[in-house]
Amino acid sequence: MPPLYDLCPHGAESLTVTSPTVNVSNLPASHPLADGRTTTSPLVSALRGDRPARTPVWFMRQAGRSLPEYREVRQGVGMLESCLRPDLAAEITLQPVRRHGVDAAIFFSDIVVPLKLAGVDVEIVSGVGPVMDRPYRTAADIDELVARDLDDETLAPIAQAVERTVAGLSDGSASTPLIGFGGAPFTLAAYLVEGRPSRDHLAARTLMHADPETWRRLTTWTADLTGRFLRTQVLAGASAVQLFDSWAGSLSLADYTAHVAPSSTRALRHVAELGVPGIHFGTATGHLLPAMRDVLRDAGISHPTVGVDYRTPLDEATELLGGDVPVQGNIDPALLAAPWEALEAHVRDVVARGAGAPGHVVNLGHGVPPTTDPTVLTRVVELVHSL
């Protein structure tokens, strides 16, 4: 098959894109979309702009600290180690599907896993989040980063984990779809420049204006890391992908369009020819939704969906998006701890507001809080499926 891209070594910027194939003929014959196991699933149908008989629902961070079985298997194992052990990553990915009956699994990983695989010294510090060995802010720092790369051997644990997961999701001729996961290039770059989580990302926003060429080289490199990471998951069996931009909401529309959208587009081009649906989600991004939709389209994603956080009602988001792309979201995670009557009314409202979009995948407007009672999530799934 013709290559989607012609990547130069060491993060060089040239990326030659062919017209993407708007089907799954470029996938392996054993892929769940190619052999039909997930083709008519509620999730894939909704992401393709259809209205399946059952509204699909899954939850960001559905595999995590809210599940006692997760805490049990993670005992004594660090976060990044658990992401890179294929047996453990697969088991954790499958846990919420077994427990809640959700319509999709989301690959258990972390935004900074591609950085770790590329040799960046990063650790997940309890109560803090990803912490780098140091901030990467100068042209020399970026030279050091872009000299590193990901290859098939380095990504092998990811492919193995996805293959194990897909096997565990299959039931004869049908299968629950797996969604591949990757952090957007801006979020990865922001972690690198800041050196740790930040509220306002001042150093990252300063670099993009003070030295736009160095910023472009950095985000080109992080785009290709994420792109290869996502492509590995798709080729191993993921039926859709989600690009998650944790920190894009800190940007103005002008800064996002000029300094971030090109790298997100580049990341998604790595999977465009494979024909899988793509979801783009960020937090506090109500002012960026049309631009995020355009990233998906400019990348050549044949079935784009925009994830909406809890701050923007879905009917308003659908209007902003032009009414012609599916939406995902957007139950307020805070209501998971509210009385059932309040949560039920909210879930019904979310489903009603999503009815104006071509397709709707019910989700939270961010991740599952660690203190959530798992039985509440199961009850939400049952409610959504009953509507």
Protein backbone atom coordinates (compact mmCIF):
# COMPACT_ATOMS: atom_id res chain seq x y z
CA MET A 1 0.00 0.00 0.00
CA PRO A 2 1.26 3.56 -0.60
CA PRO A 3 2.71 5.22 2.49
CA LEU A 4 0.68 7.91 4.20
CA TYR A 5 3.77 9.77 5.18
CA ASP A 6 7.44 9.97 4.38
CA LEU A 7 9.06 10.63 7.72
CA CYS A 8 12.56 12.00 7.90
CA PRO A 9 14.74 10.92 10.84
CA HIS A 10 15.26 12.89 14.02
CA GLY A 11 11.93 14.71 13.95
CA ALA A 12 12.48 16.50 10.65
CA GLU A 13 9.44 18.41 9.54
CA SER A 14 8.58 17.08 6.08
CA LEU A 15 5.37 15.04 5.98
CA THR A 16 4.03 14.11 2.57
CA VAL A 17 0.38 13.12 2.79
CA THR A 18 -1.57 11.14 0.24
CA SER A 19 -5.35 11.14 0.01
CA PRO A 20 -6.58 8.95 2.87
CA THR A 21 -8.55 5.83 2.14
CA VAL A 22 -12.05 6.22 3.54
CA ASN A 23 -12.39 2.54 4.39
CA VAL A 24 -10.54 -0.09 6.34
CA SER A 25 -8.87 -1.88 3.44
CA ASN A 26 -5.44 -0.84 4.72
CA LEU A 27 -5.95 -2.66 8.00
CA PRO A 28 -4.73 -6.24 8.59
CA ALA A 29 -7.31 -8.82 7.55
CA SER A 30 -7.59 -9.99 11.17
CA HIS A 31 -8.43 -6.51 12.46
CA PRO A 32 -11.87 -6.28 14.17
CA LEU A 33 -13.00 -3.63 11.69
CA ALA A 34 -11.74 -5.60 8.71
CA ASP A 35 -13.32 -8.92 9.70
CA GLY A 36 -16.56 -7.33 10.91
CA ARG A 37 -16.38 -7.95 14.66
CA THR A 38 -16.75 -4.26 15.59
CA THR A 39 -18.10 -2.81 12.35
CA THR A 40 -21.73 -2.65 13.48
CA SER A 41 -21.05 -2.08 17.17
CA PRO A 42 -22.96 0.82 18.77
CA LEU A 43 -19.73 2.76 19.33
CA VAL A 44 -18.38 2.52 15.79
CA SER A 45 -21.83 3.18 14.35
CA ALA A 46 -22.23 6.36 16.40
CA LEU A 47 -18.73 7.56 15.55
CA ARG A 48 -19.60 7.11 11.88
CA GLY A 49 -22.61 9.39 12.30
CA ASP A 50 -25.32 6.78 12.68
CA ARG A 51 -27.92 6.30 15.39
CA PRO A 52 -27.65 2.70 16.62
CA ALA A 53 -30.53 1.07 18.48
CA ARG A 54 -28.55 1.48 21.71
CA THR A 55 -26.80 4.73 22.56
CA PRO A 56 -23.16 3.83 23.29
CA VAL A 57 -21.49 4.86 26.52
CA TRP A 58 -18.01 4.58 27.97
CA PHE A 59 -16.07 6.66 30.49
CA MET A 60 -12.70 8.34 30.33
CA ARG A 61 -10.50 6.87 33.09
CA GLN A 62 -13.00 4.05 33.47
CA ALA A 63 -10.05 1.77 34.24
CA GLY A 64 -8.55 3.23 37.35
CA ARG A 65 -8.60 3.92 41.03
CA SER A 66 -12.39 3.77 41.33
CA LEU A 67 -12.20 -0.01 40.76
CA PRO A 68 -11.09 -2.28 43.62
CA GLU A 69 -9.86 -4.85 41.11
CA TYR A 70 -7.61 -2.18 39.59
CA ARG A 71 -6.12 -1.29 42.96
CA GLU A 72 -5.50 -4.97 43.62
CA VAL A 73 -3.58 -5.70 40.41
CA ARG A 74 -1.61 -2.45 40.70
CA GLN A 75 -0.30 -3.18 44.21
CA GLY A 76 3.44 -2.61 44.22
CA VAL A 77 3.57 -1.74 40.50
CA GLY A 78 4.35 1.78 39.33
CA MET A 79 2.03 3.55 36.92
CA LEU A 80 4.36 3.61 33.93
CA GLU A 81 5.50 0.03 34.58
CA SER A 82 1.87 -1.11 34.56
CA CYS A 83 1.35 0.64 31.21
CA LEU A 84 4.36 -1.15 29.70
CA ARG A 85 3.57 -4.67 30.92
CA PRO A 86 1.32 -6.14 28.21
CA ASP A 87 -0.41 -8.61 30.54
CA LEU A 88 -1.20 -5.97 33.14
CA ALA A 89 -2.20 -3.23 30.68
CA ALA A 90 -4.58 -5.63 28.95
CA GLU A 91 -6.12 -6.81 32.21
CA ILE A 92 -6.69 -3.26 33.43
CA THR A 93 -8.21 -2.24 30.09
CA LEU A 94 -10.68 -5.14 30.28
CA GLN A 95 -11.78 -4.62 33.88
CA PRO A 96 -14.40 -1.87 33.34
CA VAL A 97 -15.89 -3.70 30.34
CA ARG A 98 -16.49 -6.74 32.51
CA ARG A 99 -17.84 -4.74 35.43
CA HIS A 100 -19.91 -1.98 33.79
CA GLY A 101 -20.91 -3.38 30.41
CA VAL A 102 -19.66 -0.26 28.63
CA ASP A 103 -19.68 -0.13 24.83
CA ALA A 104 -15.94 0.44 24.44
CA ALA A 105 -12.64 -0.22 26.13
CA ILE A 106 -10.11 2.60 26.26
CA PHE A 107 -6.51 1.43 26.07
CA PHE A 108 -4.91 1.73 29.50
CA SER A 109 -1.95 4.03 29.16
CA ASP A 110 -0.68 7.44 30.15
CA ILE A 111 -0.09 10.56 28.11
CA VAL A 112 3.65 10.45 28.81
CA VAL A 113 4.21 6.79 27.87
CA PRO A 114 5.57 7.74 24.39
CA LEU A 115 8.05 10.07 26.09
CA LYS A 116 9.17 7.24 28.37
CA LEU A 117 9.54 4.90 25.40
CA ALA A 118 11.63 7.54 23.59
CA GLY A 119 14.07 7.62 26.51
CA VAL A 120 12.89 10.73 28.35
CA ASP A 121 13.44 10.39 32.10
CA VAL A 122 9.87 10.87 33.35
CA GLU A 123 8.10 9.47 36.39
CA ILE A 124 4.54 9.68 37.71
CA VAL A 125 4.80 11.21 41.18
CA SER A 126 1.89 10.49 43.50
CA GLY A 127 -0.18 13.59 44.12
CA VAL A 128 1.71 15.55 41.46
CA GLY A 129 1.57 13.77 38.09
CA PRO A 130 4.24 13.41 35.39
CA VAL A 131 7.58 14.93 36.40
CA MET A 132 10.52 15.18 34.00
CA ASP A 133 14.15 14.94 35.00
CA ARG A 134 14.36 18.64 34.08
CA PRO A 135 12.52 21.22 31.98
CA TYR A 136 13.33 21.21 28.25
CA ARG A 137 13.23 24.84 27.13
CA THR A 138 16.23 25.73 24.95
CA ALA A 139 17.10 24.94 21.37
CA ALA A 140 19.87 22.65 22.66
CA ASP A 141 17.36 20.83 24.86
CA ILE A 142 15.10 20.25 21.87
CA ASP A 143 18.07 19.07 19.76
CA GLU A 144 18.61 16.39 22.38
CA LEU A 145 14.97 15.29 22.26
CA VAL A 146 14.46 15.16 18.50
CA ALA A 147 17.49 12.89 18.13
CA ARG A 148 15.37 10.17 19.79
CA ASP A 149 12.80 8.07 17.98
CA LEU A 150 10.30 5.26 18.37
CA ASP A 151 10.59 2.08 16.31
CA ASP A 152 8.65 -1.18 16.13
CA GLU A 153 10.87 -2.86 18.70
CA THR A 154 10.38 -0.06 21.22
CA LEU A 155 6.64 -0.08 20.63
CA ALA A 156 6.34 -3.88 20.84
CA PRO A 157 4.92 -3.86 24.42
CA ILE A 158 2.13 -1.56 23.23
CA ALA A 159 1.26 -3.78 20.27
CA GLN A 160 1.30 -6.87 22.48
CA ALA A 161 -0.96 -5.24 25.07
CA VAL A 162 -3.46 -4.20 22.40
CA GLU A 163 -3.47 -7.67 20.84
CA ARG A 164 -4.13 -9.26 24.25
CA THR A 165 -6.89 -6.76 24.94
CA VAL A 166 -8.63 -7.26 21.60
CA ALA A 167 -8.54 -11.03 22.11
CA GLY A 168 -10.14 -10.54 25.52
CA LEU A 169 -12.85 -8.30 24.06
CA SER A 170 -13.87 -10.75 21.35
CA ASP A 171 -16.84 -13.06 21.66
CA GLY A 172 -17.19 -15.14 18.52
CA SER A 173 -18.29 -12.97 15.60
CA ALA A 174 -18.76 -9.84 17.75
CA SER A 175 -16.40 -7.76 19.83
CA THR A 176 -16.42 -4.73 22.09
CA PRO A 177 -14.32 -2.09 20.31
CA LEU A 178 -11.05 -0.88 21.74
CA ILE A 179 -10.26 2.83 21.49
CA GLY A 180 -6.61 3.71 21.05
CA PHE A 181 -5.34 6.51 23.26
CA GLY A 182 -2.75 9.22 22.76
CA GLY A 183 -1.85 12.58 24.25
CA ALA A 184 -1.93 15.56 21.92
CA PRO A 185 1.43 17.08 20.92
CA PHE A 186 0.78 20.32 22.81
CA THR A 187 0.13 18.52 26.07
CA LEU A 188 3.31 16.46 25.71
CA ALA A 189 5.30 19.56 24.80
CA ALA A 190 3.83 21.48 27.75
CA TYR A 191 4.92 18.76 30.18
CA LEU A 192 8.42 18.80 28.70
CA VAL A 193 8.81 22.58 28.79
CA GLU A 194 7.29 23.02 32.25
CA GLY A 195 9.01 19.92 33.63
CA ARG A 196 5.86 18.96 35.56
CA PRO A 197 2.12 19.74 35.61
CA SER A 198 1.30 23.44 35.51
CA ARG A 199 -1.85 25.47 36.00
CA ASP A 200 -1.15 28.15 33.40
CA HIS A 201 1.66 26.70 31.24
CA LEU A 202 3.47 30.03 31.20
CA ALA A 203 6.82 28.57 30.14
CA ALA A 204 5.28 26.63 27.26
CA ARG A 205 3.24 29.60 26.07
CA THR A 206 6.30 31.81 26.35
CA LEU A 207 8.44 29.45 24.26
CA MET A 208 5.89 29.27 21.43
CA HIS A 209 6.16 33.07 21.02
CA ALA A 210 9.76 33.72 22.07
CA ASP A 211 11.25 31.01 19.84
CA PRO A 212 8.57 29.76 17.44
CA GLU A 213 11.06 27.69 15.42
CA THR A 214 12.20 25.74 18.49
CA TRP A 215 8.55 25.33 19.51
CA ARG A 216 7.69 24.02 16.05
CA ARG A 217 10.52 21.50 16.15
CA LEU A 218 9.43 20.31 19.59
CA THR A 219 5.76 19.88 18.65
CA THR A 220 6.67 18.22 15.37
CA TRP A 221 8.63 15.66 17.36
CA THR A 222 5.87 15.10 19.92
CA ALA A 223 3.36 14.82 17.06
CA ASP A 224 5.31 11.99 15.50
CA LEU A 225 5.70 10.23 18.86
CA THR A 226 1.95 10.32 19.40
CA GLY A 227 1.25 9.44 15.79
CA ARG A 228 3.42 6.31 15.90
CA PHE A 229 1.95 5.41 19.28
CA LEU A 230 -1.61 5.62 17.89
CA ARG A 231 -0.73 3.84 14.66
CA THR A 232 0.76 0.92 16.59
CA GLN A 233 -2.48 0.57 18.56
CA VAL A 234 -4.66 0.67 15.46
CA LEU A 235 -2.62 -1.87 13.53
CA ALA A 236 -2.72 -4.16 16.57
CA GLY A 237 -6.52 -4.00 16.74
CA ALA A 238 -7.91 -0.68 18.03
CA SER A 239 -11.16 0.23 16.24
CA ALA A 240 -10.99 3.99 16.91
CA VAL A 241 -8.57 6.52 18.39
CA GLN A 242 -8.89 9.41 20.82
CA LEU A 243 -6.45 12.31 20.86
CA PHE A 244 -6.60 13.87 24.32
CA ASP A 245 -5.34 17.44 24.76
CA SER A 246 -5.27 17.97 28.52
CA TRP A 247 -3.99 21.54 28.45
CA ALA A 248 -5.27 23.09 25.20
CA GLY A 249 -7.93 24.97 27.14
CA SER A 250 -5.22 27.29 28.46
CA LEU A 251 -4.71 28.69 24.96
CA SER A 252 -6.43 31.42 23.01
CA LEU A 253 -8.02 30.44 19.71
CA ALA A 254 -5.32 32.37 17.85
CA ASP A 255 -2.50 30.57 19.65
CA TYR A 256 -4.18 27.19 19.22
CA THR A 257 -4.70 27.70 15.49
CA ALA A 258 -1.20 29.00 14.82
CA HIS A 259 0.96 27.00 17.23
CA VAL A 260 -0.92 23.81 18.15
CA ALA A 261 -3.40 22.70 15.49
CA PRO A 262 -0.69 21.89 12.89
CA SER A 263 1.02 19.40 15.20
CA SER A 264 -2.25 17.74 16.25
CA THR A 265 -3.12 17.40 12.56
CA ARG A 266 0.27 15.83 11.94
CA ALA A 267 -0.20 13.31 14.74
CA LEU A 268 -3.58 12.16 13.42
CA ARG A 269 -2.29 11.82 9.84
CA HIS A 270 -0.36 8.78 11.01
CA VAL A 271 -3.66 6.86 11.27
CA ALA A 272 -5.81 8.61 8.64
CA GLU A 273 -5.23 6.07 5.86
CA LEU A 274 -6.33 3.26 8.14
CA GLY A 275 -9.94 4.47 8.07
CA VAL A 276 -10.66 4.28 11.80
CA PRO A 277 -12.90 6.90 13.45
CA GLY A 278 -11.11 9.59 15.43
CA ILE A 279 -12.16 11.50 18.54
CA HIS A 280 -10.51 14.76 19.58
CA PHE A 281 -11.07 15.82 23.19
CA GLY A 282 -9.74 18.53 25.45
CA THR A 283 -10.74 20.15 28.71
CA ALA A 284 -11.98 23.76 28.91
CA THR A 285 -11.97 23.86 25.10
CA GLY A 286 -15.46 25.23 24.41
CA HIS A 287 -13.89 28.13 22.48
CA LEU A 288 -11.78 25.71 20.44
CA LEU A 289 -14.36 23.11 19.36
CA PRO A 290 -14.60 24.14 15.67
CA ALA A 291 -10.81 24.33 15.47
CA MET A 292 -10.49 20.86 16.98
CA ARG A 293 -13.02 19.56 14.46
CA ASP A 294 -10.91 21.12 11.70
CA VAL A 295 -7.83 19.32 13.02
CA LEU A 296 -9.61 15.99 12.50
CA ARG A 297 -10.76 16.96 9.03
CA ASP A 298 -7.43 18.44 7.95
CA ALA A 299 -5.71 15.24 9.10
CA GLY A 300 -7.96 13.22 6.78
CA ILE A 301 -9.80 11.33 9.54
CA SER A 302 -12.73 9.87 7.62
CA HIS A 303 -15.12 9.78 10.59
CA PRO A 304 -14.35 12.68 12.97
CA THR A 305 -15.98 13.11 16.40
CA VAL A 306 -15.44 15.98 18.81
CA GLY A 307 -15.36 15.30 22.53
CA VAL A 308 -17.02 17.99 24.66
CA ASP A 309 -16.22 18.60 28.31
CA TYR A 310 -18.87 19.27 30.96
CA ARG A 311 -18.71 23.07 30.60
CA THR A 312 -20.48 23.27 27.21
CA PRO A 313 -23.99 21.80 26.73
CA LEU A 314 -24.07 19.36 23.83
CA ASP A 315 -26.78 21.19 21.92
CA GLU A 316 -24.66 24.36 22.01
CA ALA A 317 -21.57 22.38 21.00
CA THR A 318 -23.45 20.78 18.10
CA GLU A 319 -24.46 24.22 16.86
CA LEU A 320 -20.89 25.50 17.15
CA LEU A 321 -19.67 22.46 15.19
CA GLY A 322 -22.12 23.02 12.35
CA GLY A 323 -24.38 20.09 13.15
CA ASP A 324 -22.57 17.64 10.89
CA VAL A 325 -20.15 15.78 13.17
CA PRO A 326 -20.89 13.34 16.02
CA VAL A 327 -20.21 14.47 19.57
CA GLN A 328 -18.96 12.67 22.65
CA GLY A 329 -19.81 13.61 26.23
CA ASN A 330 -20.58 15.15 28.56
CA ILE A 331 -21.82 14.08 32.00
CA ASP A 332 -20.37 16.28 34.75
CA PRO A 333 -18.10 14.00 36.84
CA ALA A 334 -19.09 15.92 39.98
CA LEU A 335 -22.63 14.55 39.71
CA LEU A 336 -21.40 10.97 40.08
CA ALA A 337 -21.31 11.66 43.83
CA ALA A 338 -24.70 13.42 43.90
CA PRO A 339 -28.00 11.74 44.85
CA TRP A 340 -29.24 9.39 42.12
CA GLU A 341 -32.24 11.58 41.36
CA ALA A 342 -29.97 14.49 40.44
CA LEU A 343 -27.57 12.30 38.44
CA GLU A 344 -30.40 10.57 36.57
CA ALA A 345 -31.97 13.88 35.56
CA HIS A 346 -28.56 15.12 34.39
CA VAL A 347 -27.86 12.00 32.33
CA ARG A 348 -31.28 12.25 30.68
CA ASP A 349 -30.59 15.90 29.88
CA VAL A 350 -27.20 15.07 28.35
CA VAL A 351 -28.75 12.38 26.13
CA ALA A 352 -31.54 14.75 25.08
CA ARG A 353 -29.09 17.55 24.23
CA GLY A 354 -26.97 15.13 22.20
CA ALA A 355 -29.92 14.13 20.05
CA GLY A 356 -29.30 16.93 17.57
CA ALA A 357 -25.90 15.60 16.49
CA PRO A 358 -25.50 12.99 13.75
CA GLY A 359 -24.17 10.58 16.36
CA HIS A 360 -23.69 10.71 20.11
CA VAL A 361 -21.37 8.72 22.34
CA VAL A 362 -22.22 9.28 25.99
CA ASN A 363 -19.22 9.88 28.21
CA LEU A 364 -18.12 12.07 31.06
CA GLY A 365 -17.03 15.62 30.48
CA HIS A 366 -13.66 14.54 31.89
CA GLY A 367 -12.37 11.46 33.74
CA VAL A 368 -13.87 9.27 36.44
CA PRO A 369 -12.92 10.68 39.87
CA PRO A 370 -10.98 8.11 41.95
CA THR A 371 -13.55 8.28 44.75
CA THR A 372 -16.47 7.29 42.50
CA ASP A 373 -18.62 4.36 43.62
CA PRO A 374 -18.30 1.82 40.77
CA THR A 375 -21.94 0.77 41.18
CA VAL A 376 -22.97 4.29 40.17
CA LEU A 377 -21.13 3.95 36.85
CA THR A 378 -22.81 0.62 36.17
CA ARG A 379 -26.18 2.22 36.92
CA VAL A 380 -25.43 5.07 34.51
CA VAL A 381 -24.61 2.58 31.76
CA GLU A 382 -27.90 0.78 32.36
CA LEU A 383 -29.80 4.07 32.27
CA VAL A 384 -28.21 5.22 29.01
CA HIS A 385 -28.90 1.85 27.40
CA SER A 386 -32.54 2.07 28.50
CA LEU A 387 -33.19 5.46 26.91
